[in-house]
Amino acid sequence: MTNFRFIPITPHPLLSPYVAKIHVFESSGRLPAEERKLIVPNANFKLTLTYRNGIVAGIGDKIFIQGENKLSLTGLIDSPVMLDAQQDAQTGTIIIEFNPLGAYRFFHLSYAEVKNQIVELPDLIGKYAEELQSRLVDANSITLKLQLLQNFLIKQLEKTVADPIYDYCIDRISGTAGVLSVAQLEKETGYSSRWLHAKFSEHLGTGPKNLSEIVRFKQFYGAFSAGANYQRLKEHIYHHYHDQSHFIRAFKRFTGSTPTDLQNSMNELATKHYTS
């Protein structure tokens, strides 16, 4: 039987406002055939270093292969991801997840172009990332690799400034668990929905409405992953969704399944990823 675990790492204090979590994923090989191998969208960007073995990810109808010792950035994901080790061998990956407030503070990119994509970082930012990737290969411990990655991000952070209107909108969406409407954001900021959509596309790769839908669903899937029974969760659906069918559509969109089907299946990867 394949054993795997997510080991949580505390981010550097300078990074903590923008980094949702850092963890090291270790696996003894490919996951069992009956395991769904599902990663559910959580509104975070991901910087990933595959320091042992590689990773294969299916996003929609596309397959992305991240080879060993490669550094890659995953854009905003709004569909379920199927994930497994490239080879049936021991696997090790460092994953740094940026919250929606954070990604634009570290990378100067067209974020719409990396939405639902996994791209090697040197292809996005060039020579600096190539040099970092080489140094990471030479680093002989996980601790040193983590130090190199976080030092790189701190230097990137120093090159950028905050966007207060965007940051305000993100805080409001997060603070209301995704139920705040775009109309309310228009009212509070004084900017049109078109302007807000352009701002979000620039910094996030998608609009505020889509982000709100992911954040809203995240509340339910977090509780679902922690073991809450679907029947008990149904009591709170109407605080976030128009009706049960609205919720079921969201569930299918982000997991590819119904709540009952998913609850009756083996999906340890998704639950550990969400609760680690």
C-alpha atoms as a PDB file:
ATOM      1  CA  MET A   1       0.000   0.000   0.000  1.00  0.00           C
ATOM      2  CA  THR A   2       1.272   3.481  -0.878  1.00  0.00           C
ATOM      3  CA  ASN A   3       1.920   5.730   2.104  1.00  0.00           C
ATOM      4  CA  PHE A   4       1.883   9.491   1.743  1.00  0.00           C
ATOM      5  CA  ARG A   5       1.807  12.549   3.964  1.00  0.00           C
ATOM      6  CA  PHE A   6       1.756  16.348   3.920  1.00  0.00           C
ATOM      7  CA  ILE A   7       4.265  17.889   6.331  1.00  0.00           C
ATOM      8  CA  PRO A   8       3.325  21.500   7.244  1.00  0.00           C
ATOM      9  CA  ILE A   9       6.067  24.147   7.254  1.00  0.00           C
ATOM     10  CA  THR A  10       5.724  27.548   8.937  1.00  0.00           C
ATOM     11  CA  PRO A  11       6.284  30.373   6.407  1.00  0.00           C
ATOM     12  CA  HIS A  12       8.801  33.134   7.087  1.00  0.00           C
ATOM     13  CA  PRO A  13       7.049  36.050   8.899  1.00  0.00           C
ATOM     14  CA  LEU A  14       7.590  38.365   5.910  1.00  0.00           C
ATOM     15  CA  LEU A  15       5.780  35.873   3.670  1.00  0.00           C
ATOM     16  CA  SER A  16       2.979  34.822   5.982  1.00  0.00           C
ATOM     17  CA  PRO A  17       0.468  37.539   4.894  1.00  0.00           C
ATOM     18  CA  TYR A  18       0.664  36.224   1.321  1.00  0.00           C
ATOM     19  CA  VAL A  19       1.432  32.524   1.720  1.00  0.00           C
ATOM     20  CA  ALA A  20      -1.545  30.377   2.700  1.00  0.00           C
ATOM     21  CA  LYS A  21       0.626  27.392   3.557  1.00  0.00           C
ATOM     22  CA  ILE A  22       3.825  25.545   2.825  1.00  0.00           C
ATOM     23  CA  HIS A  23       4.035  21.784   2.977  1.00  0.00           C
ATOM     24  CA  VAL A  24       6.294  18.954   1.941  1.00  0.00           C
ATOM     25  CA  PHE A  25       4.506  16.095   0.210  1.00  0.00           C
ATOM     26  CA  GLU A  26       6.126  12.670   0.512  1.00  0.00           C
ATOM     27  CA  SER A  27       4.876   9.456  -1.038  1.00  0.00           C
ATOM     28  CA  SER A  28       6.271   5.928  -1.277  1.00  0.00           C
ATOM     29  CA  GLY A  29       4.986   5.636  -4.859  1.00  0.00           C
ATOM     30  CA  ARG A  30       1.902   6.043  -7.020  1.00  0.00           C
ATOM     31  CA  LEU A  31      -1.419   6.133  -5.236  1.00  0.00           C
ATOM     32  CA  PRO A  32      -3.716   3.074  -5.320  1.00  0.00           C
ATOM     33  CA  ALA A  33      -5.934   2.619  -8.380  1.00  0.00           C
ATOM     34  CA  GLU A  34      -9.087   3.021  -6.264  1.00  0.00           C
ATOM     35  CA  GLU A  35      -7.905   6.386  -4.875  1.00  0.00           C
ATOM     36  CA  ARG A  36      -9.481   9.310  -6.753  1.00  0.00           C
ATOM     37  CA  LYS A  37      -6.214  11.307  -6.589  1.00  0.00           C
ATOM     38  CA  LEU A  38      -8.297  14.467  -6.476  1.00  0.00           C
ATOM     39  CA  ILE A  39      -7.147  17.984  -5.622  1.00  0.00           C
ATOM     40  CA  VAL A  40     -10.057  20.398  -5.184  1.00  0.00           C
ATOM     41  CA  PRO A  41      -9.633  24.131  -6.028  1.00  0.00           C
ATOM     42  CA  ASN A  42      -8.872  26.313  -2.998  1.00  0.00           C
ATOM     43  CA  ALA A  43      -8.190  29.714  -4.692  1.00  0.00           C
ATOM     44  CA  ASN A  44      -4.416  29.444  -4.150  1.00  0.00           C
ATOM     45  CA  PHE A  45      -1.545  29.674  -6.617  1.00  0.00           C
ATOM     46  CA  LYS A  46       1.167  27.052  -6.112  1.00  0.00           C
ATOM     47  CA  LEU A  47       4.948  27.142  -6.490  1.00  0.00           C
ATOM     48  CA  THR A  48       6.129  23.538  -6.643  1.00  0.00           C
ATOM     49  CA  LEU A  49       9.566  21.935  -6.472  1.00  0.00           C
ATOM     50  CA  THR A  50       9.717  18.243  -7.367  1.00  0.00           C
ATOM     51  CA  TYR A  51      12.970  17.265  -5.660  1.00  0.00           C
ATOM     52  CA  ARG A  52      12.383  13.508  -5.949  1.00  0.00           C
ATOM     53  CA  ASN A  53      10.458  11.860  -8.796  1.00  0.00           C
ATOM     54  CA  GLY A  54       7.983  13.904 -10.859  1.00  0.00           C
ATOM     55  CA  ILE A  55       4.282  14.743 -10.765  1.00  0.00           C
ATOM     56  CA  VAL A  56       1.560  14.190 -13.370  1.00  0.00           C
ATOM     57  CA  ALA A  57      -1.510  16.428 -13.144  1.00  0.00           C
ATOM     58  CA  GLY A  58      -4.716  16.328 -15.145  1.00  0.00           C
ATOM     59  CA  ILE A  59      -6.589  19.652 -15.333  1.00  0.00           C
ATOM     60  CA  GLY A  60      -9.665  19.448 -17.528  1.00  0.00           C
ATOM     61  CA  ASP A  61      -8.606  17.755 -20.761  1.00  0.00           C
ATOM     62  CA  LYS A  62      -4.917  18.689 -20.357  1.00  0.00           C
ATOM     63  CA  ILE A  63      -2.089  16.663 -18.838  1.00  0.00           C
ATOM     64  CA  PHE A  64       0.885  18.432 -17.244  1.00  0.00           C
ATOM     65  CA  ILE A  65       4.103  16.608 -16.373  1.00  0.00           C
ATOM     66  CA  GLN A  66       6.476  18.212 -13.913  1.00  0.00           C
ATOM     67  CA  GLY A  67       9.763  16.308 -14.047  1.00  0.00           C
ATOM     68  CA  GLU A  68      12.177  15.721 -11.200  1.00  0.00           C
ATOM     69  CA  ASN A  69      14.075  18.781  -9.912  1.00  0.00           C
ATOM     70  CA  LYS A  70      11.796  21.215 -11.726  1.00  0.00           C
ATOM     71  CA  LEU A  71      10.329  24.404 -10.303  1.00  0.00           C
ATOM     72  CA  SER A  72       6.812  25.186 -11.566  1.00  0.00           C
ATOM     73  CA  LEU A  73       4.008  27.664 -10.973  1.00  0.00           C
ATOM     74  CA  THR A  74       0.369  26.592 -11.006  1.00  0.00           C
ATOM     75  CA  GLY A  75      -2.049  29.398 -11.808  1.00  0.00           C
ATOM     76  CA  LEU A  76      -5.490  29.816 -10.335  1.00  0.00           C
ATOM     77  CA  ILE A  77      -7.388  26.547 -10.702  1.00  0.00           C
ATOM     78  CA  ASP A  78     -11.186  26.470 -10.921  1.00  0.00           C
ATOM     79  CA  SER A  79     -11.721  22.823 -11.876  1.00  0.00           C
ATOM     80  CA  PRO A  80     -10.802  19.513 -10.202  1.00  0.00           C
ATOM     81  CA  VAL A  81      -7.227  18.271 -10.587  1.00  0.00           C
ATOM     82  CA  MET A  82      -6.179  14.621 -10.762  1.00  0.00           C
ATOM     83  CA  LEU A  83      -2.674  14.154  -9.363  1.00  0.00           C
ATOM     84  CA  ASP A  84      -0.186  11.283  -9.083  1.00  0.00           C
ATOM     85  CA  ALA A  85       3.526  10.503  -9.054  1.00  0.00           C
ATOM     86  CA  GLN A  86       5.209  10.307 -12.468  1.00  0.00           C
ATOM     87  CA  GLN A  87       6.994   7.052 -11.624  1.00  0.00           C
ATOM     88  CA  ASP A  88       5.950   4.367  -9.148  1.00  0.00           C
ATOM     89  CA  ALA A  89       8.787   5.327  -6.833  1.00  0.00           C
ATOM     90  CA  GLN A  90       9.514   7.429  -3.761  1.00  0.00           C
ATOM     91  CA  THR A  91       8.314  10.978  -4.316  1.00  0.00           C
ATOM     92  CA  GLY A  92       9.119  14.294  -2.659  1.00  0.00           C
ATOM     93  CA  THR A  93       7.656  17.710  -3.451  1.00  0.00           C
ATOM     94  CA  ILE A  94       7.765  21.125  -1.787  1.00  0.00           C
ATOM     95  CA  ILE A  95       4.568  23.113  -2.324  1.00  0.00           C
ATOM     96  CA  ILE A  96       4.194  26.807  -1.500  1.00  0.00           C
ATOM     97  CA  GLU A  97       0.603  28.039  -1.806  1.00  0.00           C
ATOM     98  CA  PHE A  98      -0.058  31.759  -2.259  1.00  0.00           C
ATOM     99  CA  ASN A  99      -3.413  33.127  -1.178  1.00  0.00           C
ATOM    100  CA  PRO A 100      -5.327  35.365  -3.642  1.00  0.00           C
ATOM    101  CA  LEU A 101      -3.721  38.397  -1.998  1.00  0.00           C
ATOM    102  CA  GLY A 102      -0.232  37.114  -2.620  1.00  0.00           C
ATOM    103  CA  ALA A 103       0.633  35.914  -6.105  1.00  0.00           C
ATOM    104  CA  TYR A 104       0.859  39.329  -7.775  1.00  0.00           C
ATOM    105  CA  ARG A 105       3.328  40.452  -5.112  1.00  0.00           C
ATOM    106  CA  PHE A 106       5.905  37.850  -6.219  1.00  0.00           C
ATOM    107  CA  PHE A 107       5.662  37.461  -9.981  1.00  0.00           C
ATOM    108  CA  HIS A 108       5.193  39.921 -12.854  1.00  0.00           C
ATOM    109  CA  LEU A 109       3.005  37.817 -15.123  1.00  0.00           C
ATOM    110  CA  SER A 110      -0.095  37.802 -17.246  1.00  0.00           C
ATOM    111  CA  TYR A 111      -2.029  35.749 -14.727  1.00  0.00           C
ATOM    112  CA  ALA A 112      -4.881  34.999 -17.131  1.00  0.00           C
ATOM    113  CA  GLU A 113      -2.365  33.060 -19.254  1.00  0.00           C
ATOM    114  CA  VAL A 114      -1.492  30.674 -16.393  1.00  0.00           C
ATOM    115  CA  LYS A 115      -5.071  30.060 -15.223  1.00  0.00           C
ATOM    116  CA  ASN A 116      -5.647  26.286 -15.078  1.00  0.00           C
ATOM    117  CA  GLN A 117      -2.041  25.795 -16.228  1.00  0.00           C
ATOM    118  CA  ILE A 118       1.181  24.437 -14.721  1.00  0.00           C
ATOM    119  CA  VAL A 119       4.226  26.182 -16.199  1.00  0.00           C
ATOM    120  CA  GLU A 120       7.907  25.766 -15.399  1.00  0.00           C
ATOM    121  CA  LEU A 121       9.074  28.910 -13.635  1.00  0.00           C
ATOM    122  CA  PRO A 122      12.107  29.533 -15.913  1.00  0.00           C
ATOM    123  CA  ASP A 123       9.691  29.745 -18.849  1.00  0.00           C
ATOM    124  CA  LEU A 124       7.853  32.527 -17.021  1.00  0.00           C
ATOM    125  CA  ILE A 125      10.579  34.655 -15.461  1.00  0.00           C
ATOM    126  CA  GLY A 126      13.764  33.455 -17.183  1.00  0.00           C
ATOM    127  CA  LYS A 127      17.371  33.306 -16.045  1.00  0.00           C
ATOM    128  CA  TYR A 128      16.806  34.114 -12.371  1.00  0.00           C
ATOM    129  CA  ALA A 129      14.530  31.074 -12.013  1.00  0.00           C
ATOM    130  CA  GLU A 130      16.999  28.872 -13.921  1.00  0.00           C
ATOM    131  CA  GLU A 131      19.750  29.829 -11.490  1.00  0.00           C
ATOM    132  CA  LEU A 132      17.477  29.157  -8.513  1.00  0.00           C
ATOM    133  CA  GLN A 133      16.490  25.769  -9.934  1.00  0.00           C
ATOM    134  CA  SER A 134      20.161  24.799 -10.266  1.00  0.00           C
ATOM    135  CA  ARG A 135      20.887  25.874  -6.694  1.00  0.00           C
ATOM    136  CA  LEU A 136      17.920  23.860  -5.462  1.00  0.00           C
ATOM    137  CA  VAL A 137      19.276  20.730  -7.170  1.00  0.00           C
ATOM    138  CA  ASP A 138      22.623  21.228  -5.401  1.00  0.00           C
ATOM    139  CA  ALA A 139      21.037  21.846  -1.984  1.00  0.00           C
ATOM    140  CA  ASN A 140      21.488  18.604  -0.039  1.00  0.00           C
ATOM    141  CA  SER A 141      18.623  18.918   2.470  1.00  0.00           C
ATOM    142  CA  ILE A 142      14.931  19.842   2.543  1.00  0.00           C
ATOM    143  CA  THR A 143      15.721  22.559   5.072  1.00  0.00           C
ATOM    144  CA  LEU A 144      18.203  24.216   2.720  1.00  0.00           C
ATOM    145  CA  LYS A 145      15.829  23.943  -0.242  1.00  0.00           C
ATOM    146  CA  LEU A 146      13.086  25.623   1.800  1.00  0.00           C
ATOM    147  CA  GLN A 147      15.485  28.365   2.851  1.00  0.00           C
ATOM    148  CA  LEU A 148      16.494  29.045  -0.762  1.00  0.00           C
ATOM    149  CA  LEU A 149      12.880  29.176  -1.906  1.00  0.00           C
ATOM    150  CA  GLN A 150      11.760  31.517   0.850  1.00  0.00           C
ATOM    151  CA  ASN A 151      14.776  33.810   0.398  1.00  0.00           C
ATOM    152  CA  PHE A 152      13.919  34.010  -3.301  1.00  0.00           C
ATOM    153  CA  LEU A 153      10.335  34.970  -2.493  1.00  0.00           C
ATOM    154  CA  ILE A 154      11.392  37.621   0.020  1.00  0.00           C
ATOM    155  CA  LYS A 155      13.585  39.238  -2.646  1.00  0.00           C
ATOM    156  CA  GLN A 156      10.683  39.104  -5.115  1.00  0.00           C
ATOM    157  CA  LEU A 157       8.384  40.693  -2.542  1.00  0.00           C
ATOM    158  CA  GLU A 158      10.779  43.610  -2.088  1.00  0.00           C
ATOM    159  CA  LYS A 159      10.408  44.505  -5.778  1.00  0.00           C
ATOM    160  CA  THR A 160       6.650  45.118  -5.663  1.00  0.00           C
ATOM    161  CA  VAL A 161       4.132  47.394  -3.975  1.00  0.00           C
ATOM    162  CA  ALA A 162       0.626  46.725  -2.736  1.00  0.00           C
ATOM    163  CA  ASP A 163      -2.483  47.526  -4.775  1.00  0.00           C
ATOM    164  CA  PRO A 164      -4.866  48.826  -2.068  1.00  0.00           C
ATOM    165  CA  ILE A 165      -8.121  48.590  -4.043  1.00  0.00           C
ATOM    166  CA  TYR A 166      -7.445  44.999  -5.110  1.00  0.00           C
ATOM    167  CA  ASP A 167      -6.281  44.072  -1.596  1.00  0.00           C
ATOM    168  CA  TYR A 168      -9.437  45.594  -0.112  1.00  0.00           C
ATOM    169  CA  CYS A 169     -11.629  43.537  -2.456  1.00  0.00           C
ATOM    170  CA  ILE A 170      -9.788  40.331  -1.633  1.00  0.00           C
ATOM    171  CA  ASP A 171     -10.148  40.985   2.096  1.00  0.00           C
ATOM    172  CA  ARG A 172     -13.880  41.590   1.665  1.00  0.00           C
ATOM    173  CA  ILE A 173     -14.423  38.432  -0.379  1.00  0.00           C
ATOM    174  CA  SER A 174     -12.425  36.343   2.086  1.00  0.00           C
ATOM    175  CA  GLY A 175     -14.072  37.971   5.103  1.00  0.00           C
ATOM    176  CA  THR A 176     -17.562  37.183   3.830  1.00  0.00           C
ATOM    177  CA  ALA A 177     -16.666  33.607   2.794  1.00  0.00           C
ATOM    178  CA  GLY A 178     -17.388  34.431  -0.835  1.00  0.00           C
ATOM    179  CA  VAL A 179     -20.972  35.652  -0.490  1.00  0.00           C
ATOM    180  CA  LEU A 180     -20.206  39.326  -1.192  1.00  0.00           C
ATOM    181  CA  SER A 181     -21.628  40.347  -4.574  1.00  0.00           C
ATOM    182  CA  VAL A 182     -19.759  42.246  -7.277  1.00  0.00           C
ATOM    183  CA  ALA A 183     -22.484  44.896  -7.020  1.00  0.00           C
ATOM    184  CA  GLN A 184     -21.568  45.424  -3.377  1.00  0.00           C
ATOM    185  CA  LEU A 185     -17.877  45.719  -4.299  1.00  0.00           C
ATOM    186  CA  GLU A 186     -18.858  48.358  -6.865  1.00  0.00           C
ATOM    187  CA  LYS A 187     -20.734  50.260  -4.180  1.00  0.00           C
ATOM    188  CA  GLU A 188     -17.957  50.049  -1.597  1.00  0.00           C
ATOM    189  CA  THR A 189     -15.060  50.916  -3.912  1.00  0.00           C
ATOM    190  CA  GLY A 190     -16.720  53.292  -6.348  1.00  0.00           C
ATOM    191  CA  TYR A 191     -15.347  51.327  -9.297  1.00  0.00           C
ATOM    192  CA  SER A 192     -17.406  49.619 -12.006  1.00  0.00           C
ATOM    193  CA  SER A 193     -17.718  45.851 -12.350  1.00  0.00           C
ATOM    194  CA  ARG A 194     -15.799  46.096 -15.626  1.00  0.00           C
ATOM    195  CA  TRP A 195     -12.917  47.918 -13.936  1.00  0.00           C
ATOM    196  CA  LEU A 196     -12.892  45.420 -11.051  1.00  0.00           C
ATOM    197  CA  HIS A 197     -12.896  42.477 -13.441  1.00  0.00           C
ATOM    198  CA  ALA A 198      -9.899  43.943 -15.295  1.00  0.00           C
ATOM    199  CA  LYS A 199      -8.068  44.511 -12.002  1.00  0.00           C
ATOM    200  CA  PHE A 200      -8.705  40.941 -10.830  1.00  0.00           C
ATOM    201  CA  SER A 201      -7.679  39.532 -14.212  1.00  0.00           C
ATOM    202  CA  GLU A 202      -4.413  41.479 -13.969  1.00  0.00           C
ATOM    203  CA  HIS A 203      -3.533  40.241 -10.470  1.00  0.00           C
ATOM    204  CA  LEU A 204      -5.345  36.895 -10.280  1.00  0.00           C
ATOM    205  CA  GLY A 205      -6.240  35.682 -13.749  1.00  0.00           C
ATOM    206  CA  THR A 206      -9.995  35.600 -13.167  1.00  0.00           C
ATOM    207  CA  GLY A 207     -12.816  37.903 -12.092  1.00  0.00           C
ATOM    208  CA  PRO A 208     -14.153  38.565  -8.579  1.00  0.00           C
ATOM    209  CA  LYS A 209     -17.326  36.534  -9.190  1.00  0.00           C
ATOM    210  CA  ASN A 210     -15.376  33.383 -10.039  1.00  0.00           C
ATOM    211  CA  LEU A 211     -13.058  33.865  -7.058  1.00  0.00           C
ATOM    212  CA  SER A 212     -16.062  34.291  -4.773  1.00  0.00           C
ATOM    213  CA  GLU A 213     -17.525  31.015  -6.022  1.00  0.00           C
ATOM    214  CA  ILE A 214     -14.297  29.163  -5.226  1.00  0.00           C
ATOM    215  CA  VAL A 215     -13.972  30.792  -1.787  1.00  0.00           C
ATOM    216  CA  ARG A 216     -17.644  30.056  -1.007  1.00  0.00           C
ATOM    217  CA  PHE A 217     -17.255  26.396  -1.909  1.00  0.00           C
ATOM    218  CA  LYS A 218     -14.001  26.181   0.044  1.00  0.00           C
ATOM    219  CA  GLN A 219     -15.902  26.648   3.319  1.00  0.00           C
ATOM    220  CA  PHE A 220     -18.024  23.585   2.624  1.00  0.00           C
ATOM    221  CA  TYR A 221     -15.288  21.402   1.241  1.00  0.00           C
ATOM    222  CA  GLY A 222     -13.038  22.207   4.198  1.00  0.00           C
ATOM    223  CA  ALA A 223     -15.720  20.939   6.586  1.00  0.00           C
ATOM    224  CA  PHE A 224     -16.462  18.003   4.267  1.00  0.00           C
ATOM    225  CA  SER A 225     -12.761  17.055   4.249  1.00  0.00           C
ATOM    226  CA  ALA A 226     -12.621  17.254   8.031  1.00  0.00           C
ATOM    227  CA  GLY A 227     -15.299  14.556   8.198  1.00  0.00           C
ATOM    228  CA  ALA A 228     -18.567  16.487   8.466  1.00  0.00           C
ATOM    229  CA  ASN A 229     -21.489  14.473   7.151  1.00  0.00           C
ATOM    230  CA  TYR A 230     -23.144  15.863   4.034  1.00  0.00           C
ATOM    231  CA  GLN A 231     -26.580  15.670   5.629  1.00  0.00           C
ATOM    232  CA  ARG A 232     -25.384  17.949   8.455  1.00  0.00           C
ATOM    233  CA  LEU A 233     -23.762  20.366   5.999  1.00  0.00           C
ATOM    234  CA  LYS A 234     -27.042  20.694   4.132  1.00  0.00           C
ATOM    235  CA  GLU A 235     -28.435  22.677   7.077  1.00  0.00           C
ATOM    236  CA  HIS A 236     -26.062  25.553   6.227  1.00  0.00           C
ATOM    237  CA  ILE A 237     -26.337  25.486   2.440  1.00  0.00           C
ATOM    238  CA  TYR A 238     -29.001  28.178   2.238  1.00  0.00           C
ATOM    239  CA  HIS A 239     -26.715  30.735   3.898  1.00  0.00           C
ATOM    240  CA  HIS A 240     -24.399  30.497   0.868  1.00  0.00           C
ATOM    241  CA  TYR A 241     -26.447  29.071  -2.031  1.00  0.00           C
ATOM    242  CA  HIS A 242     -29.883  29.795  -3.479  1.00  0.00           C
ATOM    243  CA  ASP A 243     -31.011  26.194  -3.072  1.00  0.00           C
ATOM    244  CA  GLN A 244     -29.708  22.639  -2.967  1.00  0.00           C
ATOM    245  CA  SER A 245     -29.461  22.314  -6.757  1.00  0.00           C
ATOM    246  CA  HIS A 246     -27.277  25.455  -6.838  1.00  0.00           C
ATOM    247  CA  PHE A 247     -24.954  23.821  -4.297  1.00  0.00           C
ATOM    248  CA  ILE A 248     -24.881  20.505  -6.166  1.00  0.00           C
ATOM    249  CA  ARG A 249     -23.862  22.296  -9.372  1.00  0.00           C
ATOM    250  CA  ALA A 250     -20.992  23.973  -7.515  1.00  0.00           C
ATOM    251  CA  PHE A 251     -19.962  20.651  -5.961  1.00  0.00           C
ATOM    252  CA  LYS A 252     -19.865  18.909  -9.333  1.00  0.00           C
ATOM    253  CA  ARG A 253     -17.986  21.821 -10.897  1.00  0.00           C
ATOM    254  CA  PHE A 254     -15.177  21.795  -8.337  1.00  0.00           C
ATOM    255  CA  THR A 255     -14.940  18.051  -7.581  1.00  0.00           C
ATOM    256  CA  GLY A 256     -16.303  16.376 -10.709  1.00  0.00           C
ATOM    257  CA  SER A 257     -18.670  14.345  -8.533  1.00  0.00           C
ATOM    258  CA  THR A 258     -21.765  14.486  -6.324  1.00  0.00           C
ATOM    259  CA  PRO A 259     -21.393  14.765  -2.531  1.00  0.00           C
ATOM    260  CA  THR A 260     -22.771  11.266  -1.938  1.00  0.00           C
ATOM    261  CA  ASP A 261     -20.540   9.659  -4.567  1.00  0.00           C
ATOM    262  CA  LEU A 262     -17.448  11.404  -3.258  1.00  0.00           C
ATOM    263  CA  GLN A 263     -18.215  10.605   0.357  1.00  0.00           C
ATOM    264  CA  ASN A 264     -18.514   6.908  -0.529  1.00  0.00           C
ATOM    265  CA  SER A 265     -15.204   6.813  -2.419  1.00  0.00           C
ATOM    266  CA  MET A 266     -11.536   6.679  -1.410  1.00  0.00           C
ATOM    267  CA  ASN A 267     -10.232  10.224  -1.579  1.00  0.00           C
ATOM    268  CA  GLU A 268      -7.538  10.519   1.064  1.00  0.00           C
ATOM    269  CA  LEU A 269      -5.299  12.754  -1.088  1.00  0.00           C
ATOM    270  CA  ALA A 270      -7.936  15.495  -1.333  1.00  0.00           C
ATOM    271  CA  THR A 271      -8.848  15.434   2.346  1.00  0.00           C
ATOM    272  CA  LYS A 272      -5.238  15.513   3.552  1.00  0.00           C
ATOM    273  CA  HIS A 273      -4.372  18.300   1.093  1.00  0.00           C
ATOM    274  CA  TYR A 274      -7.279  20.421   2.341  1.00  0.00           C
ATOM    275  CA  THR A 275      -6.741  19.782   6.052  1.00  0.00           C
ATOM    276  CA  SER A 276      -2.925  19.841   6.207  1.00  0.00           C
END
